[in-house]
Amino acid sequence: MRKRFIALVAVILLLMVAAPTNTVSAADATPPAPQFTPSQNGVAYNLFQSNYYFIGTGLSNQPANQNLIQGSPLKITMGAAAFNGWPIWLSWFNQQVTSVAVAGYLGGGLWVNYPGAKVTITQKDAVASIAVDLSTAKVVGTQYFQFTITYSSGAQIYSRLVAITTVPAPIAAISLTPRVTKPTIFWGQVVGLSAGMTPGNSTAAVTWTPPASNNGALTTTSGMATQFNSALVDATDSLIVNNVTGFPIDIGVKATNPDGSTIQSAATVTVGGLTPQAVVARENFSYRPEALDPTTFPTGMTPKYQWVITDSSHQPITPANTVTNDATFSWSKVPNTPATYYYLQLNITFSDKNGNSVVWRSNYTPLQVVDPPPYLQAVPNMQFQLFQNNAYRPATAGDLNSPTGTTLRYQAYQSQPTTTFDGNNQGVIHITGAHWTLSLAANPFTNTTTGDVLNVTPILNLAIDQKNIPVPVNGTNTVVLAAQKDDLVTTLNDQTMLFIPQTAQVPGGTYRSLLTWTVNISP
């Protein structure tokens, strides 16, 4: 039995390779890996608004998946960048499509050249339109194909994997959820669109609505998928100057069912690539557009990056400490100047080996410079004693019982810890930032031994920044400094006083108040 089994397998394999049938078997539900790694998309750019083009070899219009009714014609179309218009002495620039090979997936990791495929190549500079006629859809299920395109130079490119799903009877679409392979792109970039039909094997006819011609074009207006080629725009075009978050383009898609009913939706592509940014003054800034990660550049072309920086009036400037020739823009220690915002714009130039070039462009987007948020670096502990005869002494119960009240004077603590923490003992108040307001709340004094609360409301007269600010010691939040515009470093002096109204029967001991300092952003 073992020998017979081996012999039988050998015969089947021989037949599959030597004499393929006229159909490709329905593949597994899980798509296989392509026979060849798909090539980058091709591009064809007009040179100097003339009748000449230079191309990056590749498919300008990928073949799309299809859902067909059994017995329907099976034809797959695509387009490849190609040009044949150079004069004889420049004919080495020409790139024509000379042949197309069709590979079908047999299952089990095996591919075979599809027999009987009729290929039609129609050259209309700067695209070769390719139609592959595979007769009719015979096998119910999903078949997979890949195409190899050969140019006159001998270069070969490979298509994406194409799925053809065949069903025995029409299936209506019930919804559309259009998908965009890259929702944000630069002007000049290409993006793929798919209809996202539900159910996925619906045989509804899909059509696409092209955008305005100055925005770009679709490679095809029918089928389950298409590509949007955004326009190549001039540096002064209003599309890039006046759209700080990019220019959204809605591309309509419609599915028409066999009974004539329709479902409509739209895919949105935002063209521009840059979004508004902000940086804290005097800090470092870097920005790499999301549209670059990932992206596919034209085949055989090297990108060159150039960032443009302008002031708020769109006048170009050249600040120091910037890197403008990399995919990531960077600016060290952005200055805090009267110009509170700038504009950024990115140009990506592609050149081929013959020196021809084309430019993808971003929109202009603002870079807002904001003030550093205020930060409370240090606030002081305070102690108060009675100052008499040029000497400090603790106040007594008799002092506090004076009918006119008692005034105690601020005295720095004698210990010398660092001055850069909250609660320093040298009277240091340190605030960094601009546009801030400082307030202080002092809780009622409490005896640290007995817990008794002083039954009067003392007034803390805070000598700060050449001002004398009265703060009631009852928990009320009091503004000390308002609408400040720069850093503050100051030290309390002995002009800071604590006034205690007449207080009878005061238990002896040390009384403390919890001070709460608050800094807020102000206009």
Protein backbone atom coordinates (compact mmCIF):
# COMPACT_ATOMS: atom_id res chain seq x y z
CA MET A 1 0.00 0.00 0.00
CA ARG A 2 2.77 2.43 0.78
CA LYS A 3 4.41 1.94 -2.66
CA ARG A 4 1.10 2.37 -4.50
CA PHE A 5 0.37 5.59 -2.58
CA ILE A 6 3.73 7.10 -3.46
CA ALA A 7 3.36 6.16 -7.11
CA LEU A 8 -0.12 7.72 -7.29
CA VAL A 9 1.07 11.04 -5.85
CA ALA A 10 3.94 11.17 -8.33
CA VAL A 11 1.55 10.72 -11.25
CA ILE A 12 -0.78 13.50 -10.04
CA LEU A 13 2.07 15.96 -9.59
CA LEU A 14 3.37 15.17 -13.06
CA LEU A 15 -0.03 15.82 -14.58
CA MET A 16 -0.46 19.11 -12.71
CA VAL A 17 2.84 20.50 -13.96
CA ALA A 18 2.94 19.04 -17.44
CA ALA A 19 -0.68 19.38 -18.49
CA PRO A 20 -2.60 22.05 -16.55
CA THR A 21 -6.34 22.16 -17.00
CA ASN A 22 -8.24 25.21 -18.24
CA THR A 23 -9.35 26.31 -14.78
CA VAL A 24 -7.63 27.15 -11.55
CA SER A 25 -8.95 25.32 -8.52
CA ALA A 26 -10.86 27.28 -5.92
CA ALA A 27 -8.37 28.25 -3.26
CA ASP A 28 -8.62 28.12 0.50
CA ALA A 29 -10.50 30.88 2.32
CA THR A 30 -7.20 32.23 3.61
CA PRO A 31 -5.33 34.12 0.86
CA PRO A 32 -1.96 32.59 -0.06
CA ALA A 33 1.30 34.48 -0.17
CA PRO A 34 1.88 35.99 -3.62
CA GLN A 35 4.16 34.04 -5.93
CA PHE A 36 6.37 37.15 -6.18
CA THR A 37 6.67 40.15 -3.87
CA PRO A 38 4.39 42.84 -5.34
CA SER A 39 6.30 45.76 -6.86
CA GLN A 40 5.93 49.37 -5.85
CA ASN A 41 3.34 51.36 -7.76
CA GLY A 42 4.48 53.02 -10.95
CA VAL A 43 4.15 56.69 -11.75
CA ALA A 44 4.24 58.78 -14.91
CA TYR A 45 4.98 62.48 -14.54
CA ASN A 46 4.61 65.11 -17.19
CA LEU A 47 7.82 67.07 -17.79
CA PHE A 48 7.53 70.84 -17.94
CA GLN A 49 3.87 70.66 -19.04
CA SER A 50 5.09 69.16 -22.33
CA ASN A 51 4.23 66.01 -24.25
CA TYR A 52 7.09 64.14 -22.62
CA TYR A 53 6.99 62.03 -19.49
CA PHE A 54 9.40 60.21 -17.32
CA ILE A 55 8.17 57.10 -15.58
CA GLY A 56 8.85 54.94 -12.60
CA THR A 57 8.12 51.42 -13.79
CA GLY A 58 5.24 49.82 -11.98
CA LEU A 59 1.48 49.43 -12.04
CA SER A 60 -0.29 52.77 -12.13
CA ASN A 61 -3.60 50.94 -11.66
CA GLN A 62 -3.53 47.67 -9.74
CA PRO A 63 -5.91 44.86 -10.79
CA ALA A 64 -8.91 44.74 -8.47
CA ASN A 65 -10.71 41.88 -6.76
CA GLN A 66 -14.00 40.87 -8.36
CA ASN A 67 -17.15 39.02 -7.33
CA LEU A 68 -18.82 37.31 -10.29
CA ILE A 69 -21.81 35.12 -11.04
CA GLN A 70 -20.88 31.72 -12.39
CA GLY A 71 -20.70 31.87 -16.16
CA SER A 72 -20.00 35.62 -16.29
CA PRO A 73 -17.11 36.94 -18.41
CA LEU A 74 -13.87 36.96 -16.43
CA LYS A 75 -11.75 39.92 -17.50
CA ILE A 76 -9.14 41.63 -15.35
CA THR A 77 -7.82 45.08 -16.20
CA MET A 78 -4.87 47.09 -14.94
CA GLY A 79 -2.57 49.89 -16.03
CA ALA A 80 1.22 50.21 -16.05
CA ALA A 81 3.30 53.37 -16.30
CA ALA A 82 4.83 53.41 -19.80
CA PHE A 83 5.95 55.95 -22.37
CA ASN A 84 7.11 55.64 -25.95
CA GLY A 85 7.19 59.23 -27.12
CA TRP A 86 10.84 60.21 -26.88
CA PRO A 87 12.57 60.93 -30.21
CA ILE A 88 15.08 58.42 -31.60
CA TRP A 89 18.14 60.09 -30.06
CA LEU A 90 16.46 59.88 -26.60
CA SER A 91 14.75 56.56 -27.15
CA TRP A 92 16.62 54.95 -24.24
CA PHE A 93 14.13 56.85 -22.03
CA ASN A 94 11.25 54.88 -23.55
CA GLN A 95 9.67 52.10 -21.52
CA GLN A 96 6.98 50.00 -23.17
CA VAL A 97 5.06 47.02 -21.82
CA THR A 98 5.91 44.09 -24.07
CA SER A 99 4.24 41.12 -22.36
CA VAL A 100 2.08 40.03 -19.43
CA ALA A 101 2.22 36.60 -17.76
CA VAL A 102 -0.68 35.26 -15.69
CA ALA A 103 -0.12 32.93 -12.73
CA GLY A 104 -2.96 31.10 -10.98
CA TYR A 105 -2.84 29.58 -7.51
CA LEU A 106 -3.42 25.82 -7.37
CA GLY A 107 -3.41 25.46 -3.60
CA GLY A 108 -0.84 23.92 -1.34
CA GLY A 109 1.64 26.67 -2.15
CA LEU A 110 1.72 25.85 -5.87
CA TRP A 111 1.38 28.37 -8.71
CA VAL A 112 1.06 27.65 -12.44
CA ASN A 113 0.96 29.77 -15.58
CA TYR A 114 -2.69 30.19 -16.46
CA PRO A 115 -3.40 28.64 -19.88
CA GLY A 116 -5.46 30.33 -22.53
CA ALA A 117 -5.26 33.85 -21.11
CA LYS A 118 -5.77 36.47 -23.82
CA VAL A 119 -3.79 39.63 -23.09
CA THR A 120 -4.45 42.96 -24.81
CA ILE A 121 -1.97 45.82 -24.30
CA THR A 122 -3.06 49.27 -25.42
CA GLN A 123 -0.35 51.94 -25.23
CA LYS A 124 -1.55 55.51 -24.74
CA ASP A 125 1.27 57.54 -23.28
CA ALA A 126 1.95 57.60 -20.40
CA VAL A 127 0.02 54.46 -19.38
CA ALA A 128 -0.23 51.03 -20.97
CA SER A 129 -3.75 49.72 -20.42
CA ILE A 130 -3.77 45.95 -19.95
CA ALA A 131 -6.80 43.67 -20.28
CA VAL A 132 -6.54 39.97 -19.44
CA ASP A 133 -9.43 37.86 -20.74
CA LEU A 134 -9.75 34.59 -18.80
CA SER A 135 -12.95 33.48 -20.56
CA THR A 136 -15.70 32.91 -17.97
CA ALA A 137 -15.90 32.44 -14.21
CA LYS A 138 -16.36 28.67 -13.93
CA VAL A 139 -15.27 27.54 -10.48
CA VAL A 140 -17.49 28.44 -7.53
CA GLY A 141 -15.27 29.73 -4.75
CA THR A 142 -12.29 32.07 -4.66
CA GLN A 143 -9.41 31.94 -7.11
CA TYR A 144 -6.16 33.89 -6.78
CA PHE A 145 -4.03 35.39 -9.54
CA GLN A 146 -0.85 37.40 -9.90
CA PHE A 147 0.47 39.14 -12.99
CA THR A 148 4.04 39.67 -14.20
CA ILE A 149 4.56 42.65 -16.52
CA THR A 150 7.70 42.83 -18.66
CA TYR A 151 9.02 46.10 -20.11
CA SER A 152 11.03 46.65 -23.28
CA SER A 153 14.11 47.17 -21.12
CA GLY A 154 13.70 43.69 -19.67
CA ALA A 155 12.57 44.99 -16.28
CA GLN A 156 9.77 42.99 -14.66
CA ILE A 157 7.17 44.10 -12.15
CA TYR A 158 4.61 42.08 -10.18
CA SER A 159 1.01 42.93 -9.34
CA ARG A 160 -0.76 42.58 -6.03
CA LEU A 161 -2.58 39.34 -5.28
CA VAL A 162 -6.00 39.35 -6.99
CA ALA A 163 -8.99 37.42 -5.63
CA ILE A 164 -11.84 36.41 -7.98
CA THR A 165 -14.85 35.08 -6.06
CA THR A 166 -17.47 33.19 -8.07
CA VAL A 167 -20.98 32.50 -6.76
CA PRO A 168 -23.77 30.47 -8.40
CA ALA A 169 -26.41 33.26 -8.17
CA PRO A 170 -26.52 37.06 -7.67
CA ILE A 171 -25.92 38.32 -4.12
CA ALA A 172 -27.14 41.79 -3.16
CA ALA A 173 -25.03 44.27 -1.20
CA ILE A 174 -26.55 45.46 2.06
CA SER A 175 -23.93 48.02 3.12
CA LEU A 176 -20.76 49.83 2.07
CA THR A 177 -17.87 50.69 4.40
CA PRO A 178 -15.25 52.30 2.14
CA ARG A 179 -11.63 51.88 3.20
CA VAL A 180 -8.58 53.98 2.42
CA THR A 181 -5.13 52.38 2.55
CA LYS A 182 -3.65 55.66 3.82
CA PRO A 183 -6.16 58.30 5.01
CA THR A 184 -3.63 61.17 4.91
CA ILE A 185 -1.29 61.74 1.97
CA PHE A 186 0.81 64.47 0.33
CA TRP A 187 -0.12 66.27 -2.87
CA GLY A 188 1.22 64.06 -5.68
CA GLN A 189 0.88 60.83 -3.71
CA VAL A 190 -1.29 57.82 -4.68
CA VAL A 191 -3.68 56.02 -2.34
CA GLY A 192 -5.81 52.89 -2.72
CA LEU A 193 -9.57 52.77 -2.10
CA SER A 194 -11.82 49.73 -1.59
CA ALA A 195 -15.59 49.64 -1.42
CA GLY A 196 -15.89 47.44 1.66
CA MET A 197 -19.11 45.72 0.60
CA THR A 198 -21.16 43.57 2.94
CA PRO A 199 -21.47 40.69 2.30
CA GLY A 200 -17.96 40.36 0.96
CA ASN A 201 -19.06 38.15 -1.96
CA SER A 202 -21.79 40.51 -3.19
CA THR A 203 -22.09 40.73 -6.96
CA ALA A 204 -23.43 44.30 -6.93
CA ALA A 205 -21.86 46.60 -9.53
CA VAL A 206 -19.60 49.18 -7.87
CA THR A 207 -18.95 52.65 -9.31
CA TRP A 208 -16.86 55.54 -7.99
CA THR A 209 -17.40 59.31 -8.33
CA PRO A 210 -14.21 61.14 -9.34
CA PRO A 211 -13.19 64.27 -7.36
CA ALA A 212 -12.77 67.70 -8.93
CA SER A 213 -10.15 67.53 -11.67
CA ASN A 214 -7.83 70.02 -9.94
CA ASN A 215 -7.69 67.70 -6.92
CA GLY A 216 -6.59 64.58 -8.79
CA ALA A 217 -8.06 61.61 -10.63
CA LEU A 218 -9.18 58.01 -10.14
CA THR A 219 -7.44 55.26 -12.08
CA THR A 220 -10.83 53.60 -12.66
CA THR A 221 -14.41 54.53 -11.85
CA SER A 222 -15.77 50.97 -11.65
CA GLY A 223 -14.90 47.90 -9.63
CA MET A 224 -14.52 46.96 -5.99
CA ALA A 225 -11.32 49.00 -5.70
CA THR A 226 -9.67 52.00 -7.31
CA GLN A 227 -6.74 54.35 -6.75
CA PHE A 228 -6.75 58.09 -6.21
CA ASN A 229 -3.85 59.97 -7.78
CA SER A 230 -3.72 63.32 -6.01
CA ALA A 231 -2.73 66.29 -8.14
CA LEU A 232 0.77 67.69 -8.44
CA VAL A 233 0.34 71.25 -7.22
CA ASP A 234 2.46 74.38 -7.35
CA ALA A 235 4.11 75.73 -4.18
CA THR A 236 1.77 78.73 -4.18
CA ASP A 237 -1.43 76.79 -4.84
CA SER A 238 -4.26 77.75 -2.49
CA LEU A 239 -4.85 74.04 -1.81
CA ILE A 240 -1.64 73.92 0.24
CA VAL A 241 -1.54 77.52 1.49
CA ASN A 242 -5.08 77.77 2.88
CA ASN A 243 -5.66 74.34 4.44
CA VAL A 244 -3.73 74.14 7.70
CA THR A 245 -5.09 70.67 8.58
CA GLY A 246 -5.03 69.35 5.01
CA PHE A 247 -7.72 69.29 2.34
CA PRO A 248 -10.38 66.56 2.81
CA ILE A 249 -11.62 65.00 -0.42
CA ASP A 250 -14.75 62.84 -0.41
CA ILE A 251 -14.83 60.16 -3.10
CA GLY A 252 -18.29 58.70 -3.55
CA VAL A 253 -18.92 55.01 -4.08
CA LYS A 254 -22.17 53.33 -5.12
CA ALA A 255 -23.22 49.68 -5.27
CA THR A 256 -26.05 48.81 -7.67
CA ASN A 257 -27.80 45.52 -6.92
CA PRO A 258 -29.31 43.22 -9.57
CA ASP A 259 -32.81 44.47 -8.70
CA GLY A 260 -31.75 48.08 -9.36
CA SER A 261 -31.58 49.17 -5.72
CA THR A 262 -28.51 51.16 -4.73
CA ILE A 263 -26.36 51.81 -1.67
CA GLN A 264 -24.10 54.86 -1.50
CA SER A 265 -21.27 55.99 0.74
CA ALA A 266 -18.00 57.89 0.47
CA ALA A 267 -14.34 57.49 1.34
CA THR A 268 -12.41 60.49 2.64
CA VAL A 269 -8.79 61.18 1.81
CA THR A 270 -7.09 64.15 3.47
CA VAL A 271 -4.41 65.58 1.20
CA GLY A 272 -1.66 67.69 2.73
CA GLY A 273 0.10 65.53 5.28
CA LEU A 274 0.78 68.10 8.05
CA THR A 275 -1.30 68.97 11.10
CA PRO A 276 -0.99 72.00 13.46
CA GLN A 277 1.80 71.72 16.01
CA ALA A 278 2.76 73.49 19.24
CA VAL A 279 6.02 73.87 21.13
CA VAL A 280 6.89 75.36 24.49
CA ALA A 281 9.19 78.35 24.13
CA ARG A 282 12.88 77.60 24.67
CA GLU A 283 12.31 73.86 24.35
CA ASN A 284 13.36 71.52 21.51
CA PHE A 285 10.86 70.58 18.80
CA SER A 286 10.80 67.75 16.24
CA TYR A 287 8.11 66.67 13.82
CA ARG A 288 7.84 63.70 11.46
CA PRO A 289 4.53 63.64 9.55
CA GLU A 290 2.38 60.56 10.04
CA ALA A 291 1.85 60.49 6.26
CA LEU A 292 5.44 59.20 5.96
CA ASP A 293 4.92 56.14 8.15
CA PRO A 294 4.63 54.08 6.14
CA THR A 295 4.58 55.30 2.56
CA THR A 296 5.62 53.93 -0.81
CA PHE A 297 7.84 56.07 -2.99
CA PRO A 298 7.93 55.85 -6.80
CA THR A 299 10.05 52.97 -8.03
CA GLY A 300 13.68 53.80 -8.69
CA MET A 301 13.47 57.34 -7.35
CA THR A 302 15.31 58.80 -4.37
CA PRO A 303 13.44 61.21 -2.07
CA LYS A 304 15.00 64.51 -1.04
CA TYR A 305 13.37 66.42 1.81
CA GLN A 306 13.16 70.18 2.15
CA TRP A 307 11.22 71.89 4.93
CA VAL A 308 10.10 75.49 4.49
CA ILE A 309 9.63 77.75 7.53
CA THR A 310 7.73 81.03 7.28
CA ASP A 311 6.61 83.67 9.71
CA SER A 312 2.93 84.29 10.41
CA SER A 313 2.70 86.32 7.18
CA HIS A 314 4.02 83.38 5.11
CA GLN A 315 7.34 85.10 4.55
CA PRO A 316 10.20 82.52 4.41
CA ILE A 317 12.70 82.66 7.26
CA THR A 318 15.84 80.68 8.09
CA PRO A 319 16.06 80.28 11.87
CA ALA A 320 19.23 78.98 13.46
CA ASN A 321 19.39 75.53 15.04
CA THR A 322 17.00 73.89 12.56
CA VAL A 323 17.32 70.70 10.50
CA THR A 324 15.34 71.13 7.28
CA ASN A 325 16.74 68.47 4.92
CA ASP A 326 15.51 65.34 6.72
CA ALA A 327 12.16 63.55 6.90
CA THR A 328 12.01 64.72 10.53
CA PHE A 329 12.06 68.48 11.02
CA SER A 330 13.82 69.64 14.18
CA TRP A 331 14.41 72.98 15.89
CA SER A 332 16.54 73.33 19.01
CA LYS A 333 15.40 75.74 21.71
CA VAL A 334 12.62 77.45 19.77
CA PRO A 335 12.86 81.16 20.63
CA ASN A 336 10.14 83.01 22.51
CA THR A 337 9.76 86.03 20.24
CA PRO A 338 6.91 88.43 19.48
CA ALA A 339 6.08 86.14 16.52
CA THR A 340 4.11 83.55 18.48
CA TYR A 341 3.59 81.21 15.57
CA TYR A 342 5.22 80.08 12.35
CA TYR A 343 4.25 77.91 9.38
CA LEU A 344 5.86 74.64 8.30
CA GLN A 345 5.68 73.09 4.84
CA LEU A 346 7.44 70.03 3.41
CA ASN A 347 8.51 69.34 -0.18
CA ILE A 348 9.66 65.84 -1.17
CA THR A 349 11.53 65.82 -4.46
CA PHE A 350 12.03 62.55 -6.38
CA SER A 351 14.68 62.26 -9.04
CA ASP A 352 15.45 59.42 -11.42
CA LYS A 353 18.87 58.41 -12.71
CA ASN A 354 18.45 60.73 -15.70
CA GLY A 355 18.01 63.81 -13.55
CA ASN A 356 14.25 64.20 -14.04
CA SER A 357 12.34 65.16 -10.92
CA VAL A 358 8.88 65.63 -9.48
CA VAL A 359 7.73 67.09 -6.16
CA TRP A 360 5.23 65.90 -3.57
CA ARG A 361 4.11 68.81 -1.41
CA SER A 362 2.48 69.17 1.97
CA ASN A 363 0.08 71.85 3.11
CA TYR A 364 1.24 74.77 5.27
CA THR A 365 0.49 74.15 8.93
CA PRO A 366 1.05 76.46 11.93
CA LEU A 367 3.67 75.90 14.60
CA GLN A 368 2.39 77.69 17.69
CA VAL A 369 4.96 78.80 20.28
CA VAL A 370 3.42 78.78 23.74
CA ASP A 371 4.74 80.09 27.01
CA PRO A 372 6.13 77.53 29.45
CA PRO A 373 3.51 76.62 32.04
CA PRO A 374 4.20 78.39 35.36
CA TYR A 375 5.85 76.27 38.00
CA LEU A 376 6.11 76.87 41.70
CA GLN A 377 9.73 76.05 42.46
CA ALA A 378 9.97 77.11 46.13
CA VAL A 379 7.85 78.66 48.89
CA PRO A 380 8.96 79.54 52.42
CA ASN A 381 8.29 78.29 55.91
CA MET A 382 7.69 81.22 58.24
CA GLN A 383 8.13 81.84 61.94
CA PHE A 384 7.00 84.97 63.80
CA GLN A 385 8.15 86.45 67.11
CA LEU A 386 7.84 89.71 68.93
CA PHE A 387 10.63 92.13 68.05
CA GLN A 388 11.53 94.51 70.89
CA ASN A 389 14.73 96.30 71.84
CA ASN A 390 16.43 94.98 68.67
CA ALA A 391 15.84 91.40 69.71
CA TYR A 392 13.35 88.65 68.97
CA ARG A 393 11.42 86.91 71.74
CA PRO A 394 8.33 84.71 71.91
CA ALA A 395 5.05 86.54 72.52
CA THR A 396 3.41 85.92 75.89
CA ALA A 397 -0.26 85.61 76.81
CA GLY A 398 0.00 89.13 78.20
CA ASP A 399 1.28 90.43 74.86
CA LEU A 400 -1.62 88.84 73.04
CA ASN A 401 -4.09 90.36 75.50
CA SER A 402 -3.14 93.89 74.47
CA PRO A 403 -6.26 95.91 73.57
CA THR A 404 -4.55 97.15 70.40
CA GLY A 405 -3.49 93.69 69.33
CA THR A 406 0.01 92.40 68.79
CA THR A 407 2.27 92.60 65.73
CA LEU A 408 4.86 89.86 65.30
CA ARG A 409 7.72 90.07 62.82
CA TYR A 410 8.87 87.41 60.35
CA GLN A 411 12.15 85.72 61.28
CA ALA A 412 14.02 83.29 59.04
CA TYR A 413 14.74 79.88 60.48
CA GLN A 414 18.33 79.29 61.54
CA SER A 415 18.82 75.94 59.78
CA GLN A 416 20.14 76.09 56.21
CA PRO A 417 18.65 73.37 53.96
CA THR A 418 18.46 73.72 50.16
CA THR A 419 16.30 76.51 48.76
CA THR A 420 14.82 74.52 45.85
CA PHE A 421 12.01 72.69 47.59
CA ASP A 422 8.60 73.60 48.93
CA GLY A 423 8.92 74.82 52.51
CA ASN A 424 12.45 76.26 52.49
CA ASN A 425 13.71 78.05 55.60
CA GLN A 426 15.30 81.11 53.97
CA GLY A 427 12.13 82.90 52.85
CA VAL A 428 12.67 82.12 49.16
CA ILE A 429 9.72 82.35 46.77
CA HIS A 430 10.65 81.07 43.28
CA ILE A 431 8.21 80.83 40.33
CA THR A 432 9.17 80.11 36.71
CA GLY A 433 7.06 80.84 33.67
CA ALA A 434 5.02 83.67 32.25
CA HIS A 435 1.36 84.70 32.57
CA TRP A 436 0.64 83.49 36.07
CA THR A 437 -1.14 84.47 39.27
CA LEU A 438 -0.04 83.50 42.79
CA SER A 439 -2.46 83.07 45.68
CA LEU A 440 -2.10 82.03 49.32
CA ALA A 441 -4.48 80.43 51.83
CA ALA A 442 -3.49 80.37 55.53
CA ASN A 443 -5.44 78.01 57.79
CA PRO A 444 -6.31 79.13 61.36
CA PHE A 445 -3.52 78.81 63.93
CA THR A 446 -3.67 75.61 66.01
CA ASN A 447 -1.80 74.78 69.22
CA THR A 448 0.57 71.94 68.36
CA THR A 449 0.19 70.42 71.87
CA THR A 450 -3.43 70.96 72.91
CA GLY A 451 -5.09 71.30 69.50
CA ASP A 452 -6.71 74.58 70.58
CA VAL A 453 -7.53 76.91 67.66
CA LEU A 454 -6.79 80.60 68.02
CA ASN A 455 -10.24 82.17 68.27
CA VAL A 456 -9.38 85.34 66.39
CA THR A 457 -8.41 85.98 62.77
CA PRO A 458 -4.83 87.19 62.48
CA ILE A 459 -3.71 89.08 59.39
CA LEU A 460 -0.52 88.03 57.63
CA ASN A 461 0.93 91.13 55.93
CA LEU A 462 3.13 89.60 53.24
CA ALA A 463 5.97 91.82 52.00
CA ILE A 464 6.64 90.51 48.48
CA ASP A 465 7.81 92.06 45.22
CA GLN A 466 7.77 95.55 46.77
CA LYS A 467 4.15 95.09 47.80
CA ASN A 468 2.44 94.49 51.13
CA ILE A 469 -0.40 91.98 50.76
CA PRO A 470 -2.79 91.31 53.68
CA VAL A 471 -3.78 87.63 53.94
CA PRO A 472 -6.44 86.67 56.56
CA VAL A 473 -5.45 83.57 58.53
CA ASN A 474 -8.81 81.85 58.20
CA GLY A 475 -8.38 79.60 55.13
CA THR A 476 -9.48 82.23 52.62
CA ASN A 477 -7.60 82.03 49.33
CA THR A 478 -6.06 85.46 48.66
CA VAL A 479 -4.41 86.64 45.44
CA VAL A 480 -0.87 87.72 46.24
CA LEU A 481 0.48 88.54 42.77
CA ALA A 482 -1.76 88.81 39.68
CA ALA A 483 -1.07 88.66 35.91
CA GLN A 484 2.69 88.25 36.20
CA LYS A 485 4.61 87.94 32.92
CA ASP A 486 8.01 86.56 33.88
CA ASP A 487 9.94 84.45 36.36
CA LEU A 488 10.03 85.56 40.00
CA VAL A 489 12.76 84.94 42.55
CA THR A 490 12.41 86.92 45.76
CA THR A 491 13.10 86.56 49.49
CA LEU A 492 10.83 87.59 52.33
CA ASN A 493 12.26 90.21 54.66
CA ASP A 494 11.45 91.43 58.15
CA GLN A 495 8.76 93.72 56.77
CA THR A 496 6.52 90.65 56.60
CA MET A 497 4.35 90.93 59.72
CA LEU A 498 1.67 88.93 61.50
CA PHE A 499 -1.00 91.01 63.28
CA ILE A 500 -3.00 89.19 65.99
CA PRO A 501 -6.05 90.98 67.40
CA GLN A 502 -6.53 91.01 71.18
CA THR A 503 -6.75 87.43 72.40
CA ALA A 504 -7.55 86.65 76.02
CA GLN A 505 -6.85 83.41 77.82
CA VAL A 506 -4.48 81.97 75.23
CA PRO A 507 -3.10 78.52 76.18
CA GLY A 508 0.68 78.56 76.05
CA GLY A 509 2.62 76.67 73.38
CA THR A 510 3.54 76.79 69.69
CA TYR A 511 0.81 77.68 67.20
CA ARG A 512 1.03 76.66 63.55
CA SER A 513 -0.88 77.47 60.39
CA LEU A 514 -0.76 75.44 57.18
CA LEU A 515 0.05 77.71 54.21
CA THR A 516 -1.18 76.65 50.77
CA TRP A 517 0.43 78.45 47.81
CA THR A 518 -1.22 78.15 44.40
CA VAL A 519 0.02 79.31 41.01
CA ASN A 520 -2.46 79.49 38.10
CA ILE A 521 -2.11 80.39 34.45
CA SER A 522 -3.43 83.88 33.77
CA PRO A 523 -4.03 85.85 30.56
